[in-house]
Protein backbone atom coordinates (compact mmCIF):
# COMPACT_ATOMS: atom_id res chain seq x y z
CA UNK A 1 0.02 -0.02 -0.01
CA UNK A 2 1.38 3.37 -0.96
CA UNK A 3 1.07 6.32 1.34
CA UNK A 4 -0.45 9.52 -0.14
CA UNK A 5 1.66 12.57 0.36
CA UNK A 6 -0.24 15.12 2.45
CA UNK A 7 1.17 18.73 2.31
CA UNK A 8 2.41 20.18 5.63
CA UNK A 9 -0.25 22.76 5.55
CA UNK A 10 -3.09 20.00 5.48
CA UNK A 11 -1.55 17.40 7.89
CA UNK A 12 -3.24 18.87 11.07
CA UNK A 13 -6.51 20.09 9.52
CA UNK A 14 -7.80 16.59 8.38
CA UNK A 15 -9.07 18.24 5.21
CA UNK A 16 -8.16 17.93 1.55
CA UNK A 17 -8.80 21.70 1.18
CA UNK A 18 -5.80 24.01 1.79
CA UNK A 19 -6.25 26.21 4.84
CA UNK A 20 -6.81 29.31 2.72
CA UNK A 21 -9.39 27.77 0.45
CA UNK A 22 -12.13 29.94 1.92
CA UNK A 23 -10.05 33.00 1.40
CA UNK A 24 -9.39 32.13 -2.14
CA UNK A 25 -13.05 31.45 -2.80
CA UNK A 26 -14.15 34.67 -1.07
CA UNK A 27 -11.65 36.70 -3.29
CA UNK A 28 -13.03 35.10 -6.39
CA UNK A 29 -16.61 35.56 -5.39
CA UNK A 30 -16.19 39.17 -4.28
CA UNK A 31 -14.29 40.06 -7.50
CA UNK A 32 -17.11 38.38 -9.71
CA UNK A 33 -19.88 40.23 -7.46
CA UNK A 34 -18.23 43.72 -7.88
CA UNK A 35 -18.79 43.87 -11.62
CA UNK A 36 -15.30 45.31 -12.10
CA UNK A 37 -12.79 43.77 -14.34
CA UNK A 38 -9.52 42.42 -12.66
CA UNK A 39 -7.30 44.78 -14.50
CA UNK A 40 -9.33 47.78 -13.03
CA UNK A 41 -9.24 46.38 -9.56
CA UNK A 42 -5.45 45.97 -9.84
CA UNK A 43 -4.95 49.48 -11.03
CA UNK A 44 -7.19 50.84 -8.26
CA UNK A 45 -5.42 48.70 -5.48
CA UNK A 46 -2.06 49.68 -6.73
CA UNK A 47 -2.87 53.38 -6.39
CA UNK A 48 -4.09 52.69 -2.76
CA UNK A 49 -1.25 50.45 -1.45
CA UNK A 50 1.60 52.18 -3.36
CA UNK A 51 2.95 48.95 -5.01
CA UNK A 52 2.13 47.42 -8.27
CA UNK A 53 -0.69 45.01 -8.17
CA UNK A 54 -1.39 43.15 -11.41
CA UNK A 55 -4.37 41.11 -12.95
CA UNK A 56 -2.09 38.08 -12.84
CA UNK A 57 -1.65 38.54 -9.06
CA UNK A 58 -5.35 38.70 -8.45
CA UNK A 59 -5.72 35.50 -10.49
CA UNK A 60 -3.08 33.90 -8.43
CA UNK A 61 -4.45 34.93 -5.19
CA UNK A 62 -7.91 33.55 -6.07
CA UNK A 63 -6.72 30.39 -7.64
CA UNK A 64 -7.15 27.18 -5.72
CA UNK A 65 -4.21 25.66 -7.77
CA UNK A 66 -1.70 28.52 -7.01
CA UNK A 67 -0.97 27.50 -3.35
CA UNK A 68 2.25 29.50 -3.34
CA UNK A 69 0.66 32.77 -3.99
CA UNK A 70 -0.52 34.37 -0.71
CA UNK A 71 -2.79 37.38 -0.47
CA UNK A 72 -0.88 39.98 1.59
CA UNK A 73 -2.51 41.38 4.68
CA UNK A 74 -1.46 44.82 3.58
CA UNK A 75 -3.83 44.48 0.55
CA UNK A 76 -7.05 43.68 2.57
CA UNK A 77 -8.08 47.31 3.25
CA UNK A 78 -7.32 48.25 -0.42
CA UNK A 79 -9.21 45.17 -1.85
CA UNK A 80 -12.32 46.04 0.42
CA UNK A 81 -12.25 49.60 -0.75
CA UNK A 82 -11.99 48.95 -4.31
CA UNK A 83 -14.59 46.06 -4.38
CA UNK A 84 -17.03 48.02 -2.04
CA UNK A 85 -17.52 45.02 0.30
CA UNK A 86 -16.25 44.37 3.83
CA UNK A 87 -16.69 40.61 3.39
CA UNK A 88 -12.97 40.03 3.47
CA UNK A 89 -12.65 41.87 6.72
CA UNK A 90 -15.36 39.90 8.13
CA UNK A 91 -13.81 36.61 7.19
CA UNK A 92 -10.72 37.66 9.12
CA UNK A 93 -12.48 38.70 12.25
CA UNK A 94 -13.05 36.59 15.27
CA UNK A 95 -16.63 35.71 16.59
CA UNK A 96 -16.35 38.31 19.37
CA UNK A 97 -15.41 41.00 16.97
CA UNK A 98 -18.29 40.00 14.60
CA UNK A 99 -20.70 40.18 17.54
CA UNK A 100 -19.51 43.80 18.37
CA UNK A 101 -19.81 44.78 14.75
CA UNK A 102 -23.56 43.47 14.78
CA UNK A 103 -24.28 45.41 17.95
CA UNK A 104 -22.83 48.67 16.35
CA UNK A 105 -24.92 48.07 13.17
CA UNK A 106 -28.06 47.69 15.22
CA UNK A 107 -27.21 50.72 17.15
CA UNK A 108 -26.85 52.62 13.90
CA UNK A 109 -30.24 51.34 12.66
CA UNK A 110 -31.91 52.39 15.97
CA UNK A 111 -30.14 55.76 16.13
CA UNK A 112 -33.27 57.70 17.12
CA UNK A 113 -34.23 55.19 19.83
CA UNK A 114 -30.69 55.23 21.25
CA UNK A 115 -30.85 59.08 21.28
CA UNK A 116 -34.24 59.13 23.12
CA UNK A 117 -32.78 56.59 25.78
CA UNK A 118 -29.47 58.38 26.26
CA UNK A 119 -30.77 61.92 26.35
CA UNK A 120 -32.78 63.21 29.35
CA UNK A 121 -36.18 64.31 28.54
CA UNK A 122 -35.53 67.84 29.62
CA UNK A 123 -32.73 68.17 26.95
CA UNK A 124 -34.80 66.94 24.14
CA UNK A 125 -37.41 69.53 24.82
CA UNK A 126 -34.92 72.36 24.78
CA UNK A 127 -33.58 71.17 21.41
CA UNK A 128 -37.03 71.07 19.83
CA UNK A 129 -37.56 74.76 20.47
């Protein structure tokens, strides 16, 4: 019986997927959803990060076969800004931080209610005048 070689990155995960497969899939999905062409995304990211980013780099970062190509953390903010989505930020956050983000989003949605709760009734009357 021959032993199948398991790459080091997958030895402890008990999965056939590389550990960054979710990231690669998310990059590909967000690029597709954005409606922008990869060369345009690359040009806009280059302007933000201050280093050249190419269409080929984006292809490699989002490819499941190009395991050696890693998406730099320094590109996350620029990618999200260009794509117009915070999905990549959310993928990288832990559960506690995601919970705090949800609380903040609910607070923004309930801004008037929060104002009423936080402001004494006397102050609200003065402001209305």
